[in-house]
Amino acid sequence: MYEAFINTFNIMLEIKDYFRKKWEEHLDSDDLLKKYKAKQFIKVIEKANRLENFDLALFEKMVEKIVVFENKTIEFSMFDGIEVECKI
């Protein structure tokens, strides 16, 4: 699971412009939680470097829940509503 999060985060960094655009759309939201999380995620992704090791503090900021499926797939549900699936 740690490796899956590291890989997921590193992929998010590679396509951070895509995610930044999605989060910037939430900055005008009336939903204060969406707005707060969008600001937080933008800040995290802009300051971040590729992960080599698991970062618990980062994980706790980003991941709301994890679902593990029988077909060896993990789904990370992020606090901003994005869901990312990974094969393990």
C-alpha atoms as a PDB file:
ATOM      1  CA  MET A   1       0.000   0.000   0.000  1.00  0.00           C
ATOM      2  CA  TYR A   2       2.844   2.413   0.780  1.00  0.00           C
ATOM      3  CA  GLU A   3       4.345   1.860  -2.660  1.00  0.00           C
ATOM      4  CA  ALA A   4       0.963   2.376  -4.315  1.00  0.00           C
ATOM      5  CA  PHE A   5       0.586   5.763  -2.608  1.00  0.00           C
ATOM      6  CA  ILE A   6       4.128   6.784  -3.563  1.00  0.00           C
ATOM      7  CA  ASN A   7       3.477   5.844  -7.200  1.00  0.00           C
ATOM      8  CA  THR A   8       0.105   7.609  -7.212  1.00  0.00           C
ATOM      9  CA  PHE A   9       1.540  10.799  -5.753  1.00  0.00           C
ATOM     10  CA  ASN A  10       4.466  10.798  -8.180  1.00  0.00           C
ATOM     11  CA  ILE A  11       2.084  10.417 -11.117  1.00  0.00           C
ATOM     12  CA  MET A  12       0.026  13.317  -9.766  1.00  0.00           C
ATOM     13  CA  LEU A  13       3.219  15.391  -9.733  1.00  0.00           C
ATOM     14  CA  GLU A  14       3.970  14.467 -13.349  1.00  0.00           C
ATOM     15  CA  ILE A  15       0.558  15.749 -14.472  1.00  0.00           C
ATOM     16  CA  LYS A  16       0.162  18.423 -11.814  1.00  0.00           C
ATOM     17  CA  ASP A  17      -1.095  20.993 -14.327  1.00  0.00           C
ATOM     18  CA  TYR A  18      -4.162  18.798 -14.915  1.00  0.00           C
ATOM     19  CA  PHE A  19      -4.850  18.538 -11.189  1.00  0.00           C
ATOM     20  CA  ARG A  20      -4.098  22.210 -10.523  1.00  0.00           C
ATOM     21  CA  LYS A  21      -6.772  23.191 -13.081  1.00  0.00           C
ATOM     22  CA  LYS A  22      -9.307  20.914 -11.361  1.00  0.00           C
ATOM     23  CA  TRP A  23      -8.470  22.366  -7.944  1.00  0.00           C
ATOM     24  CA  GLU A  24      -8.546  25.949  -9.209  1.00  0.00           C
ATOM     25  CA  GLU A  25     -12.136  25.352 -10.339  1.00  0.00           C
ATOM     26  CA  HIS A  26     -13.003  24.692  -6.682  1.00  0.00           C
ATOM     27  CA  LEU A  27     -11.530  27.989  -5.477  1.00  0.00           C
ATOM     28  CA  ASP A  28     -14.758  29.795  -6.463  1.00  0.00           C
ATOM     29  CA  SER A  29     -16.976  27.158  -4.865  1.00  0.00           C
ATOM     30  CA  ASP A  30     -19.555  28.004  -2.224  1.00  0.00           C
ATOM     31  CA  ASP A  31     -18.525  24.759  -0.532  1.00  0.00           C
ATOM     32  CA  LEU A  32     -15.977  25.933   2.027  1.00  0.00           C
ATOM     33  CA  LEU A  33     -14.482  22.467   2.509  1.00  0.00           C
ATOM     34  CA  LYS A  34     -13.886  22.051  -1.246  1.00  0.00           C
ATOM     35  CA  LYS A  35     -12.311  25.494  -1.367  1.00  0.00           C
ATOM     36  CA  TYR A  36     -10.082  24.762   1.636  1.00  0.00           C
ATOM     37  CA  LYS A  37      -8.955  21.374   0.284  1.00  0.00           C
ATOM     38  CA  ALA A  38      -8.288  22.832  -3.166  1.00  0.00           C
ATOM     39  CA  LYS A  39      -6.008  25.481  -1.630  1.00  0.00           C
ATOM     40  CA  GLN A  40      -4.288  22.844   0.480  1.00  0.00           C
ATOM     41  CA  PHE A  41      -3.739  20.473  -2.455  1.00  0.00           C
ATOM     42  CA  ILE A  42      -2.402  23.259  -4.698  1.00  0.00           C
ATOM     43  CA  LYS A  43       0.051  24.245  -1.987  1.00  0.00           C
ATOM     44  CA  VAL A  44       1.169  20.645  -1.439  1.00  0.00           C
ATOM     45  CA  ILE A  45       1.612  19.825  -5.128  1.00  0.00           C
ATOM     46  CA  GLU A  46       3.534  23.051  -5.844  1.00  0.00           C
ATOM     47  CA  LYS A  47       6.038  22.474  -3.029  1.00  0.00           C
ATOM     48  CA  ALA A  48       6.400  18.724  -3.428  1.00  0.00           C
ATOM     49  CA  ASN A  49       9.211  16.702  -4.874  1.00  0.00           C
ATOM     50  CA  ARG A  50       8.992  13.124  -6.084  1.00  0.00           C
ATOM     51  CA  LEU A  51       8.555  10.721  -3.210  1.00  0.00           C
ATOM     52  CA  GLU A  52      11.150   8.056  -2.620  1.00  0.00           C
ATOM     53  CA  ASN A  53       9.745   6.976   0.754  1.00  0.00           C
ATOM     54  CA  PHE A  54       6.294   6.931   2.304  1.00  0.00           C
ATOM     55  CA  ASP A  55       5.335  10.252   3.903  1.00  0.00           C
ATOM     56  CA  LEU A  56       2.666   9.750   6.566  1.00  0.00           C
ATOM     57  CA  ALA A  57       1.964  13.468   7.009  1.00  0.00           C
ATOM     58  CA  LEU A  58       1.390  13.892   3.270  1.00  0.00           C
ATOM     59  CA  PHE A  59      -0.760  10.765   3.148  1.00  0.00           C
ATOM     60  CA  GLU A  60      -2.953  12.079   5.975  1.00  0.00           C
ATOM     61  CA  LYS A  61      -3.397  15.441   4.205  1.00  0.00           C
ATOM     62  CA  MET A  62      -4.486  13.864   0.935  1.00  0.00           C
ATOM     63  CA  VAL A  63      -6.162  10.483   1.440  1.00  0.00           C
ATOM     64  CA  GLU A  64      -9.658  10.216   2.883  1.00  0.00           C
ATOM     65  CA  LYS A  65     -10.060   6.462   2.456  1.00  0.00           C
ATOM     66  CA  ILE A  66      -8.633   3.394   0.765  1.00  0.00           C
ATOM     67  CA  VAL A  67     -10.612   0.552  -0.781  1.00  0.00           C
ATOM     68  CA  VAL A  68      -8.864  -2.731  -1.551  1.00  0.00           C
ATOM     69  CA  PHE A  69     -10.509  -4.934  -4.161  1.00  0.00           C
ATOM     70  CA  GLU A  70     -10.146  -8.685  -4.659  1.00  0.00           C
ATOM     71  CA  ASN A  71      -8.596  -8.167  -8.096  1.00  0.00           C
ATOM     72  CA  LYS A  72      -5.459  -6.670  -6.474  1.00  0.00           C
ATOM     73  CA  THR A  73      -6.554  -3.099  -7.102  1.00  0.00           C
ATOM     74  CA  ILE A  74      -6.417  -0.294  -4.556  1.00  0.00           C
ATOM     75  CA  GLU A  75      -8.560   2.822  -4.842  1.00  0.00           C
ATOM     76  CA  PHE A  76      -7.407   5.960  -3.068  1.00  0.00           C
ATOM     77  CA  SER A  77     -10.205   8.457  -2.401  1.00  0.00           C
ATOM     78  CA  MET A  78      -8.644  11.848  -1.918  1.00  0.00           C
ATOM     79  CA  PHE A  79     -10.137  14.590   0.234  1.00  0.00           C
ATOM     80  CA  ASP A  80     -10.785  16.654  -2.893  1.00  0.00           C
ATOM     81  CA  GLY A  81     -13.083  13.951  -4.315  1.00  0.00           C
ATOM     82  CA  ILE A  82     -10.621  12.480  -6.817  1.00  0.00           C
ATOM     83  CA  GLU A  83     -10.436   8.692  -6.864  1.00  0.00           C
ATOM     84  CA  VAL A  84      -7.312   6.973  -8.149  1.00  0.00           C
ATOM     85  CA  GLU A  85      -7.017   3.238  -8.803  1.00  0.00           C
ATOM     86  CA  CYS A  86      -3.729   1.344  -8.667  1.00  0.00           C
ATOM     87  CA  LYS A  87      -2.837  -2.243  -9.409  1.00  0.00           C
ATOM     88  CA  ILE A  88      -0.781  -3.890  -6.696  1.00  0.00           C
END
